[in-house]
Structures are given as C-alpha cells and as structure tokens.
Amino acid sequence: MWRNNSDWRQSNHLWRNYNQSRQPQALITDLSFLRLDTAEGGDLRGEAWQREADYRAALADPRKRLAYARQHGAKDKGRGHYMTAACYLQGDCGEPADLAQALAAARRGAEAGHARSMTLLAEAQMLGRGVPANPAQALQGFRRAAEAGDRRAWFKLGQSAFRGQGMPQDFAQAREWLQKAGDDPEAWGLLGVLHGRGLGGPEDAALEARYLRQAAEAGDLLGRAQYGELLFHGSDEVEPDLAAARPHLQAAAEAGLASSMALWADLLRKGEHVAGGSPQPAQARAMLEAAAAQGNDGALFDLGLAQATGQLGYTADAEAGRRLMAKAADAGSRPALDWLTHHHHSAGQGIEARRYNDKAVLAGTARGYFNRGMAELEGFWGLAADQPTAVGWFQKSAVLGYIGAHQKLAEIFLVGLLGQKDGVTGCFHAQVAAAGGSKDAYLWAGQCLEHGLGGRVDKAQALQWYRRAAAAGSESAQRQLTRLGVR
C-alpha cells in the first residue's frame, strides 16, 4: 500500500510549485530602470546636448547624480527629480538614504510629467512605504504612468492583476498588461507562470519555457529560481536537466529563496552536479533548515522525512519527523498529507489516518485517492467495505498516473473481485503498471500477452515480462518459465 522513502521525496518535488508568487520588495532601487531616452529628441545641440551628456554620465557615476539633478532638474521633464529620488532610495550619492526625501523628489518628478516617478509613487502606495498603503489608488497611479509611457508601470499593473492587489485577481488582464511591459525580466517571469499554468489563457509549455529562460538569462533572481525549477522537474517542452538547473538554483538558493533552497539541498544530498561530485549531507541539512525556517513546505517535508528515517546526520526520531510533517501539511504540502496518513495508519491510529486522508482527498492527491480506495476495499478507518466505490477511487488515482492504482485495478479486473472478470480492462492496467516499473504487475502483463486475456497474443513479449518478474523474485513467474522450458 505504501511506497519507499525515495518515492516519498520524489512525490514531494513533483508537487512543489515553481511558480513563486513574488513577495513585496523594497521600492525601485535598480538604476537600470532609469531611462536613457533623450529629453529633447532629435539632433541635440548646445545646452540640451550638454544636459544629455551630463545625464548619461550621472547614470554611470552615483556621485554625479545629485549634481546633475540640481543643475538640470528644472529642464529635463522630471528626470532629475527621479534621479534625486533614486539617490535617496539607495543612499549611494553622497547622502544617506532617506525615504521621505526620495518620495518628495518623486512627487516633483510626477508633477513634471515624468512617468517613472509616477510609478515609484504608486509603488510606495501599493507597499505602504512612507505613505499609507492604498492599493486602489496605487493602481490608478500605475495606469497614469503606463499611459505616460513607462513600461515598468505595465509590469506593475500586470503584477497587481496577477496578485489581485487593488483589483480582483484577473489572469487574462495580467497577461495583456505584462505583454506591454516589453523587455522587463520580471514581466517575463510572470508570463512564464501564466502560460505554464494555463492561467488567463491557454496552457503553453513552449512559451512558459521561453519566458522563464529569458527572465533567467536577464539575471532576474526569481526568474532564475523559476527556470531552475522548470529544468529540475522538466515539462512537456523541457527535458529535466539537473546540470543546467544547478547554477540557477544555486544562485537563487544563496540569495535566500526558499523553494530554490529546498531543491538545491536535494542536489547537495545526492551529490549531483555539485562541487566535488559527492553527497554533502551537512550542507544539504543546513540549507533545508534555513528554508524550513521560512516556512517552505518542501523543506519542511524533506526535513521531516530525514528526521523520521535518520538521514542527513539526524538520529531517527519518528515523532520529530511527524511534527515537521504536520507543519509541512499546514504549509500546503500535499505529500505530507499522504505521509501522515501512512504514519498514523501504521501506528494503528485510524481516526488520525482518516483525518489526514480526508484532507488528501480534498487536495486531490493521487495517493490520497488510492488510500481511500484501499480503505473502502478492505473496510477500515470506520468505513464499511464497498468494492464498487473502492474501484472508483482507484480509477481517479490511476487517471493521475499513480502506478499502484493501475496495479490494484489490474488485480481487481483480472481476478474478478467484483464478481466478473474483465480481461481487456485488467490487462490494460497491468500493462500500464508493468511499464511504470511495478514488479507485481510483471507477472500479470506476461499472462495477459501469453493467453490473450486483453485481446492480443504476443508470446515473445510475454516471455520478457516473465523473465523480469522472475528476476524480481516472483516464484510464480519462475514456474511459468519452467513450464515453457525456459531457464
């Protein structure tokens, strides 16, 4: 009924969501967002030319920014005011950081029509930094800035629609606005999320991969985290590539992004594509503990498994593992619900096992469906035996790809547990389970093909399945080989 520890860990990573919701960050401090467009346009001469030269020099040297703003700020359509704001936000222009001064300068820039200053003020309102938080008013500010030509504001609008900040959550609207953000790496990251999950439009794994790759290659930290997780897991368009995932996950992990820390810890634990090429359990444990301290469900799950089974230098402690698994479940880990079901069932604690299985079923886990099917089939956890209902649960689990469910359905239909055998259905599930590596299904698959139980005879293929079953220790399969005169 239950799988081994490596299967638990794999299940956890398969459920881990790489589509991280971006948490509110500090106000804009990256001067790459300062526009390099000219203030006047056309062939600049005289004072305008000098002002533009000073502007570009100020972008390259923080010490020149306040001087530029004081000398040219009244004539450059608000850019000097924004540069002053950036100086006081970062505190790198010879003056200490001062949020009030920064917002005052941004307000002057916005009044002069500078679009990026409008965006900065709106971001302050969205985050409640230096001004009262007012998401609805911030959204209006982003709209004005976007209409005034600031592509960054289109990203902020798209992000607001994605999160539901200042407006109802609207993924279709988020797609539209993010597309207008141009080459903003953060916009690419969110577009990758939307296309990968089919939010607000069709699911498109190719566009997911393209946008996340662009965000990662542009150096966006969360883009690197998302792309690293995509490479770690793979998708319909991307083959799993741990070597390619490693630098992205490592960079994001070292910057403190919890989900990347959990995946990086997995590579460290296995010693895959890491310095030295050997397992590094101490480093993996430290990374997981740091991620778990942030409440990451994947890290809590892996730590719980390590403590329960005595891995990563821990002394095996089932109760300590259970406590961490309970925290993981509370944090949203669906595999933790299945693990806790198993833990309490094995301890004879049917009420607790049923409680966690109820949650797993509501969460839609394949294993949760399978476990409910077993309870209905055999009549435990206070449930009366109900074979037809059990089959329904197994079928739901099988649709989600759980091999154990295919194995159980093969047994039910080939043996006739419902009162009548169904070779076609049973052999279908036996073939799927055998192809998925279920050793118990090898014998069934061989018998289906030898005797045509599923409507097709292939004695050569049947012989291969018997051999695999015998190699896996099946005495019944060995007897079949002996009967056929095969050693």
Foldseek 3Di string as FASTA:
>chain_A
DDDDLVVLLVVLLVPDDLLDQDDQDDFDQDLVLQDLDQQPDDDDDDPSVVLSVLVVVCSVALQSLQVSLVVCVVPRLLSSLQSQLSCLCVVRRVGHRDNVSSLVSLVVSVVSVQLVSLLRNLSCLCVVPPHDNDQLVSLVSLVSSVVSPRLVSLQVNLSCLCVVTSHRNANLSSLVSLVSSPLDLVSLSVNLVCQCVVGSHHNDNVSNQVSLVSSVVVPPLSSLSSNLSCLCNDDPVHHNDNLVSQVSLVSNLVVPDLVSLLVNLVCLQCLHNDPPSHHDLQSSLVSLVSSVVVLALSSLLVVLSCCCVVPSNHDHDNVSSLVSLVSSVVSPRLSSLVVQLVVCVVVVNLLSNVVSLVVSVVVQALSSLLVVLVCLCVPDSPHDNDNVVSLVSLVSSVVVPDLVSLQVQLCCQCVVVVPHHQLQSNLVSLVSSVVVPDLSSLQVVLVCQCVVSNVHHDNVVSLVSLVSNVVVPDPVSVVVCVVVVHD
